[in-house]
PDB file of all heavy atoms in Angstrom:
ATOM      1  N   PHE A   1     124.153 170.855 119.045  1.00  0.00           N
ATOM      2  CA  PHE A   1     123.465 169.569 119.149  1.00  0.00           C
ATOM      3  C   PHE A   1     122.822 169.240 117.810  1.00  0.00           C
ATOM      4  O   PHE A   1     122.049 170.043 117.273  1.00  0.00           O
ATOM      5  CB  PHE A   1     122.397 169.580 120.239  1.00  0.00           C
ATOM      6  CG  PHE A   1     121.605 168.302 120.292  1.00  0.00           C
ATOM      7  CD1 PHE A   1     122.228 167.108 120.641  1.00  0.00           C
ATOM      8  CD2 PHE A   1     120.258 168.283 119.973  1.00  0.00           C
ATOM      9  CE1 PHE A   1     121.506 165.911 120.662  1.00  0.00           C
ATOM     10  CE2 PHE A   1     119.532 167.100 120.006  1.00  0.00           C
ATOM     11  CZ  PHE A   1     120.163 165.919 120.355  1.00  0.00           C
ATOM     12  N   LEU A   2     123.137 168.062 117.303  1.00  0.00           N
ATOM     13  CA  LEU A   2     122.601 167.596 116.024  1.00  0.00           C
ATOM     14  C   LEU A   2     121.991 166.225 116.216  1.00  0.00           C
ATOM     15  O   LEU A   2     122.658 165.291 116.689  1.00  0.00           O
ATOM     16  CB  LEU A   2     123.715 167.526 114.976  1.00  0.00           C
ATOM     17  CG  LEU A   2     123.382 166.841 113.644  1.00  0.00           C
ATOM     18  CD1 LEU A   2     122.260 167.580 112.907  1.00  0.00           C
ATOM     19  CD2 LEU A   2     124.635 166.755 112.766  1.00  0.00           C
ATOM     20  N   LEU A   3     120.712 166.082 115.852  1.00  0.00           N
ATOM     21  CA  LEU A   3     120.026 164.795 115.838  1.00  0.00           C
ATOM     22  C   LEU A   3     120.029 164.242 114.420  1.00  0.00           C
ATOM     23  O   LEU A   3     119.667 164.958 113.471  1.00  0.00           O
ATOM     24  CB  LEU A   3     118.582 164.963 116.318  1.00  0.00           C
ATOM     25  CG  LEU A   3     117.666 163.741 116.135  1.00  0.00           C
ATOM     26  CD1 LEU A   3     118.104 162.580 117.018  1.00  0.00           C
ATOM     27  CD2 LEU A   3     116.208 164.115 116.390  1.00  0.00           C
ATOM     28  N   ILE A   4     120.409 162.969 114.286  1.00  0.00           N
ATOM     29  CA  ILE A   4     120.385 162.270 113.005  1.00  0.00           C
ATOM     30  C   ILE A   4     119.510 161.039 113.180  1.00  0.00           C
ATOM     31  O   ILE A   4     119.783 160.194 114.035  1.00  0.00           O
ATOM     32  CB  ILE A   4     121.800 161.867 112.558  1.00  0.00           C
ATOM     33  CG1 ILE A   4     122.705 163.106 112.473  1.00  0.00           C
ATOM     34  CG2 ILE A   4     121.763 161.135 111.221  1.00  0.00           C
ATOM     35  CD1 ILE A   4     124.162 162.781 112.165  1.00  0.00           C
ATOM     36  N   HIS A   5     118.467 160.922 112.355  1.00  0.00           N
ATOM     37  CA  HIS A   5     117.445 159.891 112.592  1.00  0.00           C
ATOM     38  C   HIS A   5     117.082 159.179 111.285  1.00  0.00           C
ATOM     39  O   HIS A   5     116.196 159.605 110.566  1.00  0.00           O
ATOM     40  CB  HIS A   5     116.215 160.558 113.217  1.00  0.00           C
ATOM     41  CG  HIS A   5     115.040 159.637 113.352  1.00  0.00           C
ATOM     42  ND1 HIS A   5     113.759 160.019 113.064  1.00  0.00           N
ATOM     43  CD2 HIS A   5     114.967 158.339 113.735  1.00  0.00           C
ATOM     44  CE1 HIS A   5     112.937 159.024 113.255  1.00  0.00           C
ATOM     45  NE2 HIS A   5     113.644 157.981 113.658  1.00  0.00           N
ATOM     46  N   PRO A   6     117.767 158.058 110.970  1.00  0.00           N
ATOM     47  CA  PRO A   6     117.466 157.279 109.767  1.00  0.00           C
ATOM     48  C   PRO A   6     116.348 156.272 110.016  1.00  0.00           C
ATOM     49  O   PRO A   6     116.204 155.742 111.121  1.00  0.00           O
ATOM     50  CB  PRO A   6     118.791 156.570 109.490  1.00  0.00           C
ATOM     51  CG  PRO A   6     119.375 156.374 110.856  1.00  0.00           C
ATOM     52  CD  PRO A   6     118.961 157.581 111.663  1.00  0.00           C
ATOM     53  N   MET A   7     115.586 155.958 108.969  1.00  0.00           N
ATOM     54  CA  MET A   7     114.384 155.143 109.116  1.00  0.00           C
ATOM     55  C   MET A   7     114.436 153.806 108.364  1.00  0.00           C
ATOM     56  O   MET A   7     113.557 152.955 108.557  1.00  0.00           O
ATOM     57  CB  MET A   7     113.183 155.957 108.615  1.00  0.00           C
ATOM     58  CG  MET A   7     111.830 155.350 108.854  1.00  0.00           C
ATOM     59  SD  MET A   7     111.401 155.208 110.602  1.00  0.00           S
ATOM     60  CE  MET A   7     110.769 156.847 110.907  1.00  0.00           C
ATOM     61  N   ASN A   8     115.443 153.559 107.532  1.00  0.00           N
ATOM     62  CA  ASN A   8     115.391 152.391 106.645  1.00  0.00           C
ATOM     63  C   ASN A   8     115.400 151.056 107.373  1.00  0.00           C
ATOM     64  O   ASN A   8     114.786 150.085 106.912  1.00  0.00           O
ATOM     65  CB  ASN A   8     116.541 152.427 105.651  1.00  0.00           C
ATOM     66  CG  ASN A   8     116.411 153.503 104.595  1.00  0.00           C
ATOM     67  OD1 ASN A   8     117.314 153.677 103.783  1.00  0.00           O
ATOM     68  ND2 ASN A   8     115.324 154.256 104.599  1.00  0.00           N
ATOM     69  N   THR A   9     116.083 150.959 108.515  1.00  0.00           N
ATOM     70  CA  THR A   9     116.107 149.691 109.242  1.00  0.00           C
ATOM     71  C   THR A   9     114.722 149.355 109.779  1.00  0.00           C
ATOM     72  O   THR A   9     114.253 148.213 109.665  1.00  0.00           O
ATOM     73  CB  THR A   9     117.142 149.751 110.374  1.00  0.00           C
ATOM     74  OG1 THR A   9     118.440 149.975 109.812  1.00  0.00           O
ATOM     75  CG2 THR A   9     117.169 148.454 111.163  1.00  0.00           C
ATOM     76  N   ASP A  10     114.033 150.314 110.347  1.00  0.00           N
ATOM     77  CA  ASP A  10     112.663 150.102 110.804  1.00  0.00           C
ATOM     78  C   ASP A  10     111.757 149.732 109.636  1.00  0.00           C
ATOM     79  O   ASP A  10     110.918 148.822 109.751  1.00  0.00           O
ATOM     80  CB  ASP A  10     112.156 151.365 111.491  1.00  0.00           C
ATOM     81  CG  ASP A  10     110.768 151.204 112.070  1.00  0.00           C
ATOM     82  OD1 ASP A  10     110.629 150.518 113.092  1.00  0.00           O
ATOM     83  OD2 ASP A  10     109.812 151.766 111.503  1.00  0.00           O
ATOM     84  N   ASP A  11     111.912 150.405 108.513  1.00  0.00           N
ATOM     85  CA  ASP A  11     111.100 150.128 107.325  1.00  0.00           C
ATOM     86  C   ASP A  11     111.292 148.678 106.872  1.00  0.00           C
ATOM     87  O   ASP A  11     110.318 147.971 106.580  1.00  0.00           O
ATOM     88  CB  ASP A  11     111.481 151.106 106.213  1.00  0.00           C
ATOM     89  CG  ASP A  11     110.572 151.010 105.011  1.00  0.00           C
ATOM     90  OD1 ASP A  11     109.338 150.966 105.189  1.00  0.00           O
ATOM     91  OD2 ASP A  11     111.095 150.985 103.884  1.00  0.00           O
ATOM     92  N   ALA A  12     112.536 148.222 106.831  1.00  0.00           N
ATOM     93  CA  ALA A  12     112.812 146.841 106.435  1.00  0.00           C
ATOM     94  C   ALA A  12     112.234 145.859 107.448  1.00  0.00           C
ATOM     95  O   ALA A  12     111.726 144.788 107.075  1.00  0.00           O
ATOM     96  CB  ALA A  12     114.313 146.631 106.288  1.00  0.00           C
ATOM     97  N   GLY A  13     112.295 146.193 108.731  1.00  0.00           N
ATOM     98  CA  GLY A  13     111.736 145.318 109.751  1.00  0.00           C
ATOM     99  C   GLY A  13     110.234 145.159 109.611  1.00  0.00           C
ATOM    100  O   GLY A  13     109.694 144.055 109.769  1.00  0.00           O
ATOM    101  N   HIS A  14     109.537 146.250 109.316  1.00  0.00           N
ATOM    102  CA  HIS A  14     108.090 146.173 109.141  1.00  0.00           C
ATOM    103  C   HIS A  14     107.718 145.381 107.882  1.00  0.00           C
ATOM    104  O   HIS A  14     106.668 144.732 107.847  1.00  0.00           O
ATOM    105  CB  HIS A  14     107.493 147.573 109.081  1.00  0.00           C
ATOM    106  CG  HIS A  14     107.378 148.223 110.417  1.00  0.00           C
ATOM    107  ND1 HIS A  14     106.591 147.722 111.431  1.00  0.00           N
ATOM    108  CD2 HIS A  14     107.968 149.339 110.920  1.00  0.00           C
ATOM    109  CE1 HIS A  14     106.689 148.500 112.491  1.00  0.00           C
ATOM    110  NE2 HIS A  14     107.520 149.493 112.212  1.00  0.00           N
ATOM    111  N   LYS A  15     108.550 145.436 106.880  1.00  0.00           N
ATOM    112  CA  LYS A  15     108.243 144.727 105.635  1.00  0.00           C
ATOM    113  C   LYS A  15     108.625 143.256 105.701  1.00  0.00           C
ATOM    114  O   LYS A  15     107.935 142.406 105.119  1.00  0.00           O
ATOM    115  CB  LYS A  15     108.966 145.404 104.471  1.00  0.00           C
ATOM    116  CG  LYS A  15     108.411 146.773 104.120  1.00  0.00           C
ATOM    117  CD  LYS A  15     109.255 147.456 103.056  1.00  0.00           C
ATOM    118  CE  LYS A  15     108.667 148.804 102.674  1.00  0.00           C
ATOM    119  NZ  LYS A  15     109.557 149.556 101.742  1.00  0.00           N
ATOM    120  N   PHE A  16     109.722 142.932 106.402  1.00  0.00           N
ATOM    121  CA  PHE A  16     110.278 141.587 106.307  1.00  0.00           C
ATOM    122  C   PHE A  16     110.515 140.895 107.651  1.00  0.00           C
ATOM    123  O   PHE A  16     110.748 139.689 107.677  1.00  0.00           O
ATOM    124  CB  PHE A  16     111.600 141.626 105.525  1.00  0.00           C
ATOM    125  CG  PHE A  16     111.461 142.237 104.164  1.00  0.00           C
ATOM    126  CD1 PHE A  16     111.911 143.532 103.912  1.00  0.00           C
ATOM    127  CD2 PHE A  16     110.872 141.533 103.131  1.00  0.00           C
ATOM    128  CE1 PHE A  16     111.785 144.101 102.650  1.00  0.00           C
ATOM    129  CE2 PHE A  16     110.732 142.100 101.873  1.00  0.00           C
ATOM    130  CZ  PHE A  16     111.195 143.379 101.633  1.00  0.00           C
ATOM    131  N   GLY A  17     110.502 141.625 108.773  1.00  0.00           N
ATOM    132  CA  GLY A  17     110.616 141.015 110.084  1.00  0.00           C
ATOM    133  C   GLY A  17     112.027 140.906 110.623  1.00  0.00           C
ATOM    134  O   GLY A  17     113.016 141.074 109.911  1.00  0.00           O
ATOM    135  N   LEU A  18     112.112 140.597 111.912  1.00  0.00           N
ATOM    136  CA  LEU A  18     113.381 140.523 112.633  1.00  0.00           C
ATOM    137  C   LEU A  18     114.353 139.535 112.012  1.00  0.00           C
ATOM    138  O   LEU A  18     115.553 139.802 111.924  1.00  0.00           O
ATOM    139  CB  LEU A  18     113.116 140.129 114.086  1.00  0.00           C
ATOM    140  CG  LEU A  18     114.335 139.854 114.961  1.00  0.00           C
ATOM    141  CD1 LEU A  18     115.104 141.136 115.246  1.00  0.00           C
ATOM    142  CD2 LEU A  18     113.922 139.182 116.276  1.00  0.00           C
ATOM    143  N   ASP A  19     113.877 138.392 111.586  1.00  0.00           N
ATOM    144  CA  ASP A  19     114.763 137.322 111.127  1.00  0.00           C
ATOM    145  C   ASP A  19     115.081 137.391 109.631  1.00  0.00           C
ATOM    146  O   ASP A  19     115.578 136.420 109.064  1.00  0.00           O
ATOM    147  CB  ASP A  19     114.137 135.955 111.432  1.00  0.00           C
ATOM    148  CG  ASP A  19     114.146 135.645 112.914  1.00  0.00           C
ATOM    149  OD1 ASP A  19     115.070 136.114 113.608  1.00  0.00           O
ATOM    150  OD2 ASP A  19     113.231 134.952 113.377  1.00  0.00           O
ATOM    151  N   SER A  20     114.821 138.515 109.002  1.00  0.00           N
ATOM    152  CA  SER A  20     115.008 138.617 107.553  1.00  0.00           C
ATOM    153  C   SER A  20     116.392 139.147 107.189  1.00  0.00           C
ATOM    154  O   SER A  20     116.992 139.928 107.924  1.00  0.00           O
ATOM    155  CB  SER A  20     113.949 139.538 106.953  1.00  0.00           C
ATOM    156  OG  SER A  20     114.154 140.882 107.389  1.00  0.00           O
ATOM    157  N   ARG A  21     116.865 138.718 106.040  1.00  0.00           N
ATOM    158  CA  ARG A  21     118.125 139.253 105.532  1.00  0.00           C
ATOM    159  C   ARG A  21     117.980 140.733 105.193  1.00  0.00           C
ATOM    160  O   ARG A  21     118.931 141.505 105.310  1.00  0.00           O
ATOM    161  CB  ARG A  21     118.600 138.461 104.319  1.00  0.00           C
ATOM    162  CG  ARG A  21     117.750 138.603 103.074  1.00  0.00           C
ATOM    163  CD  ARG A  21     118.298 137.763 101.917  1.00  0.00           C
ATOM    164  NE  ARG A  21     117.574 137.985 100.677  1.00  0.00           N
ATOM    165  CZ  ARG A  21     116.445 137.386 100.342  1.00  0.00           C
ATOM    166  NH1 ARG A  21     115.901 136.500 101.178  1.00  0.00           N
ATOM    167  NH2 ARG A  21     115.853 137.654  99.196  1.00  0.00           N
ATOM    168  N   GLN A  22     116.775 141.146 104.782  1.00  0.00           N
ATOM    169  CA  GLN A  22     116.570 142.554 104.423  1.00  0.00           C
ATOM    170  C   GLN A  22     116.757 143.460 105.640  1.00  0.00           C
ATOM    171  O   GLN A  22     117.368 144.531 105.535  1.00  0.00           O
ATOM    172  CB  GLN A  22     115.173 142.735 103.825  1.00  0.00           C
ATOM    173  CG  GLN A  22     114.974 142.077 102.476  1.00  0.00           C
ATOM    174  CD  GLN A  22     114.428 140.659 102.586  1.00  0.00           C
ATOM    175  OE1 GLN A  22     114.523 140.027 103.647  1.00  0.00           O
ATOM    176  NE2 GLN A  22     113.866 140.151 101.504  1.00  0.00           N
ATOM    177  N   TYR A  23     116.229 143.037 106.771  1.00  0.00           N
ATOM    178  CA  TYR A  23     116.360 143.827 108.000  1.00  0.00           C
ATOM    179  C   TYR A  23     117.820 143.885 108.449  1.00  0.00           C
ATOM    180  O   TYR A  23     118.366 144.966 108.728  1.00  0.00           O
ATOM    181  CB  TYR A  23     115.477 143.201 109.079  1.00  0.00           C
ATOM    182  CG  TYR A  23     115.528 143.856 110.436  1.00  0.00           C
ATOM    183  CD1 TYR A  23     115.059 145.153 110.633  1.00  0.00           C
ATOM    184  CD2 TYR A  23     116.016 143.161 111.539  1.00  0.00           C
ATOM    185  CE1 TYR A  23     115.087 145.740 111.892  1.00  0.00           C
ATOM    186  CE2 TYR A  23     116.040 143.736 112.799  1.00  0.00           C
ATOM    187  CZ  TYR A  23     115.577 145.027 112.967  1.00  0.00           C
ATOM    188  OH  TYR A  23     115.608 145.602 114.210  1.00  0.00           O
ATOM    189  N   ARG A  24     118.460 142.739 108.488  1.00  0.00           N
ATOM    190  CA  ARG A  24     119.865 142.707 108.912  1.00  0.00           C
ATOM    191  C   ARG A  24     120.742 143.506 107.947  1.00  0.00           C
ATOM    192  O   ARG A  24     121.644 144.238 108.366  1.00  0.00           O
ATOM    193  CB  ARG A  24     120.342 141.262 109.030  1.00  0.00           C
ATOM    194  CG  ARG A  24     119.710 140.493 110.174  1.00  0.00           C
ATOM    195  CD  ARG A  24     120.375 139.139 110.366  1.00  0.00           C
ATOM    196  NE  ARG A  24     120.151 138.263 109.233  1.00  0.00           N
ATOM    197  CZ  ARG A  24     119.120 137.422 109.125  1.00  0.00           C
ATOM    198  NH1 ARG A  24     118.218 137.352 110.094  1.00  0.00           N
ATOM    199  NH2 ARG A  24     118.992 136.634 108.073  1.00  0.00           N
ATOM    200  N   ASN A  25     120.498 143.359 106.653  1.00  0.00           N
ATOM    201  CA  ASN A  25     121.337 144.054 105.676  1.00  0.00           C
ATOM    202  C   ASN A  25     121.116 145.561 105.693  1.00  0.00           C
ATOM    203  O   ASN A  25     122.043 146.324 105.407  1.00  0.00           O
ATOM    204  CB  ASN A  25     121.098 143.499 104.273  1.00  0.00           C
ATOM    205  CG  ASN A  25     121.757 142.150 104.068  1.00  0.00           C
ATOM    206  OD1 ASN A  25     122.727 141.814 104.754  1.00  0.00           O
ATOM    207  ND2 ASN A  25     121.255 141.371 103.132  1.00  0.00           N
ATOM    208  N   SER A  26     119.917 145.992 106.034  1.00  0.00           N
ATOM    209  CA  SER A  26     119.690 147.432 106.174  1.00  0.00           C
ATOM    210  C   SER A  26     120.538 147.990 107.306  1.00  0.00           C
ATOM    211  O   SER A  26     121.149 149.065 107.175  1.00  0.00           O
ATOM    212  CB  SER A  26     118.209 147.699 106.441  1.00  0.00           C
ATOM    213  OG  SER A  26     117.978 149.081 106.599  1.00  0.00           O
ATOM    214  N   ALA A  27     120.607 147.265 108.419  1.00  0.00           N
ATOM    215  CA  ALA A  27     121.464 147.690 109.528  1.00  0.00           C
ATOM    216  C   ALA A  27     122.927 147.680 109.112  1.00  0.00           C
ATOM    217  O   ALA A  27     123.683 148.606 109.453  1.00  0.00           O
ATOM    218  CB  ALA A  27     121.237 146.780 110.729  1.00  0.00           C
ATOM    219  N   ARG A  28     123.335 146.658 108.393  1.00  0.00           N
ATOM    220  CA  ARG A  28     124.725 146.591 107.924  1.00  0.00           C
ATOM    221  C   ARG A  28     125.057 147.775 107.016  1.00  0.00           C
ATOM    222  O   ARG A  28     126.143 148.363 107.110  1.00  0.00           O
ATOM    223  CB  ARG A  28     124.959 145.279 107.176  1.00  0.00           C
ATOM    224  CG  ARG A  28     124.936 144.034 108.056  1.00  0.00           C
ATOM    225  CD  ARG A  28     125.200 142.788 107.223  1.00  0.00           C
ATOM    226  NE  ARG A  28     125.253 141.598 108.056  1.00  0.00           N
ATOM    227  CZ  ARG A  28     124.341 140.620 108.036  1.00  0.00           C
ATOM    228  NH1 ARG A  28     123.293 140.700 107.222  1.00  0.00           N
ATOM    229  NH2 ARG A  28     124.471 139.572 108.827  1.00  0.00           N
ATOM    230  N   ARG A  29     124.132 148.122 106.132  1.00  0.00           N
ATOM    231  CA  ARG A  29     124.404 149.233 105.212  1.00  0.00           C
ATOM    232  C   ARG A  29     124.593 150.538 105.969  1.00  0.00           C
ATOM    233  O   ARG A  29     125.497 151.325 105.647  1.00  0.00           O
ATOM    234  CB  ARG A  29     123.262 149.369 104.195  1.00  0.00           C
ATOM    235  CG  ARG A  29     123.314 148.363 103.062  1.00  0.00           C
ATOM    236  CD  ARG A  29     122.355 148.718 101.951  1.00  0.00           C
ATOM    237  NE  ARG A  29     120.964 148.660 102.374  1.00  0.00           N
ATOM    238  CZ  ARG A  29     120.198 147.567 102.335  1.00  0.00           C
ATOM    239  NH1 ARG A  29     120.705 146.429 101.901  1.00  0.00           N
ATOM    240  NH2 ARG A  29     118.945 147.605 102.730  1.00  0.00           N
ATOM    241  N   PHE A  30     123.741 150.780 106.967  1.00  0.00           N
ATOM    242  CA  PHE A  30     123.900 152.036 107.708  1.00  0.00           C
ATOM    243  C   PHE A  30     125.203 152.051 108.491  1.00  0.00           C
ATOM    244  O   PHE A  30     125.875 153.088 108.569  1.00  0.00           O
ATOM    245  CB  PHE A  30     122.713 152.276 108.654  1.00  0.00           C
ATOM    246  CG  PHE A  30     122.751 153.642 109.267  1.00  0.00           C
ATOM    247  CD1 PHE A  30     122.350 154.742 108.532  1.00  0.00           C
ATOM    248  CD2 PHE A  30     123.230 153.841 110.549  1.00  0.00           C
ATOM    249  CE1 PHE A  30     122.418 156.023 109.072  1.00  0.00           C
ATOM    250  CE2 PHE A  30     123.299 155.104 111.103  1.00  0.00           C
ATOM    251  CZ  PHE A  30     122.884 156.206 110.360  1.00  0.00           C
ATOM    252  N   ASP A  31     125.568 150.929 109.051  1.00  0.00           N
ATOM    253  CA  ASP A  31     126.836 150.811 109.773  1.00  0.00           C
ATOM    254  C   ASP A  31     128.003 151.214 108.886  1.00  0.00           C
ATOM    255  O   ASP A  31     128.897 151.971 109.296  1.00  0.00           O
ATOM    256  CB  ASP A  31     126.984 149.373 110.263  1.00  0.00           C
ATOM    257  CG  ASP A  31     128.331 149.075 110.892  1.00  0.00           C
ATOM    258  OD1 ASP A  31     128.621 149.638 111.964  1.00  0.00           O
ATOM    259  OD2 ASP A  31     129.094 148.279 110.312  1.00  0.00           O
ATOM    260  N   LEU A  32     128.000 150.734 107.649  1.00  0.00           N
ATOM    261  CA  LEU A  32     129.108 151.055 106.738  1.00  0.00           C
ATOM    262  C   LEU A  32     129.029 152.493 106.240  1.00  0.00           C
ATOM    263  O   LEU A  32     130.063 153.120 105.983  1.00  0.00           O
ATOM    264  CB  LEU A  32     129.117 150.067 105.572  1.00  0.00           C
ATOM    265  CG  LEU A  32     129.441 148.620 105.976  1.00  0.00           C
ATOM    266  CD1 LEU A  32     129.372 147.694 104.765  1.00  0.00           C
ATOM    267  CD2 LEU A  32     130.820 148.529 106.624  1.00  0.00           C
ATOM    268  N   LEU A  33     127.815 153.037 106.122  1.00  0.00           N
ATOM    269  CA  LEU A  33     127.689 154.455 105.802  1.00  0.00           C
ATOM    270  C   LEU A  33     128.292 155.321 106.909  1.00  0.00           C
ATOM    271  O   LEU A  33     128.934 156.345 106.633  1.00  0.00           O
ATOM    272  CB  LEU A  33     126.217 154.830 105.608  1.00  0.00           C
ATOM    273  CG  LEU A  33     125.527 154.343 104.330  1.00  0.00           C
ATOM    274  CD1 LEU A  33     124.026 154.593 104.410  1.00  0.00           C
ATOM    275  CD2 LEU A  33     126.116 155.020 103.099  1.00  0.00           C
ATOM    276  N   LEU A  34     128.097 154.909 108.154  1.00  0.00           N
ATOM    277  CA  LEU A  34     128.660 155.667 109.274  1.00  0.00           C
ATOM    278  C   LEU A  34     130.177 155.763 109.193  1.00  0.00           C
ATOM    279  O   LEU A  34     130.767 156.729 109.691  1.00  0.00           O
ATOM    280  CB  LEU A  34     128.267 155.020 110.603  1.00  0.00           C
ATOM    281  CG  LEU A  34     126.960 155.443 111.245  1.00  0.00           C
ATOM    282  CD1 LEU A  34     126.744 154.661 112.526  1.00  0.00           C
ATOM    283  CD2 LEU A  34     126.929 156.941 111.517  1.00  0.00           C
ATOM    284  N   ALA A  35     130.801 154.755 108.593  1.00  0.00           N
ATOM    285  CA  ALA A  35     132.259 154.771 108.485  1.00  0.00           C
ATOM    286  C   ALA A  35     132.762 155.953 107.672  1.00  0.00           C
ATOM    287  O   ALA A  35     133.931 156.347 107.801  1.00  0.00           O
ATOM    288  CB  ALA A  35     132.748 153.460 107.864  1.00  0.00           C
ATOM    289  N   ASP A  36     131.901 156.537 106.836  1.00  0.00           N
ATOM    290  CA  ASP A  36     132.288 157.723 106.067  1.00  0.00           C
ATOM    291  C   ASP A  36     132.197 159.004 106.886  1.00  0.00           C
ATOM    292  O   ASP A  36     132.727 160.037 106.467  1.00  0.00           O
ATOM    293  CB  ASP A  36     131.389 157.865 104.829  1.00  0.00           C
ATOM    294  CG  ASP A  36     131.640 156.780 103.795  1.00  0.00           C
ATOM    295  OD1 ASP A  36     132.786 156.295 103.710  1.00  0.00           O
ATOM    296  OD2 ASP A  36     130.686 156.423 103.074  1.00  0.00           O
ATOM    297  N   TYR A  37     131.504 158.965 108.019  1.00  0.00           N
ATOM    298  CA  TYR A  37     131.212 160.186 108.771  1.00  0.00           C
ATOM    299  C   TYR A  37     131.783 160.187 110.185  1.00  0.00           C
ATOM    300  O   TYR A  37     132.299 161.216 110.641  1.00  0.00           O
ATOM    301  CB  TYR A  37     129.695 160.402 108.849  1.00  0.00           C
ATOM    302  CG  TYR A  37     129.051 160.636 107.517  1.00  0.00           C
ATOM    303  CD1 TYR A  37     128.541 159.580 106.771  1.00  0.00           C
ATOM    304  CD2 TYR A  37     128.956 161.914 106.974  1.00  0.00           C
ATOM    305  CE1 TYR A  37     127.942 159.790 105.527  1.00  0.00           C
ATOM    306  CE2 TYR A  37     128.368 162.142 105.733  1.00  0.00           C
ATOM    307  CZ  TYR A  37     127.861 161.068 105.019  1.00  0.00           C
ATOM    308  OH  TYR A  37     127.281 161.279 103.798  1.00  0.00           O
ATOM    309  N   LEU A  38     131.663 159.080 110.889  1.00  0.00           N
ATOM    310  CA  LEU A  38     132.036 159.060 112.301  1.00  0.00           C
ATOM    311  C   LEU A  38     133.488 159.474 112.543  1.00  0.00           C
ATOM    312  O   LEU A  38     133.750 160.265 113.465  1.00  0.00           O
ATOM    313  CB  LEU A  38     131.752 157.683 112.899  1.00  0.00           C
ATOM    314  CG  LEU A  38     132.008 157.524 114.397  1.00  0.00           C
ATOM    315  CD1 LEU A  38     131.225 158.545 115.217  1.00  0.00           C
ATOM    316  CD2 LEU A  38     131.663 156.100 114.852  1.00  0.00           C
ATOM    317  N   PRO A  39     134.475 159.001 111.764  1.00  0.00           N
ATOM    318  CA  PRO A  39     135.850 159.454 112.019  1.00  0.00           C
ATOM    319  C   PRO A  39     136.000 160.969 111.909  1.00  0.00           C
ATOM    320  O   PRO A  39     136.723 161.590 112.700  1.00  0.00           O
ATOM    321  CB  PRO A  39     136.661 158.723 110.941  1.00  0.00           C
ATOM    322  CG  PRO A  39     135.850 157.518 110.607  1.00  0.00           C
ATOM    323  CD  PRO A  39     134.426 157.973 110.696  1.00  0.00           C
TER     324      PRO A  39
END
């Protein structure tokens, strides 16, 4: 069992809010990072 817990999306949300490009783009970046690992 391995837990992986990234924090950057929450950090961007606290700094810029739900409707910010920074928050959305942080989620997008992690999604694309997952593409290197999930397969």
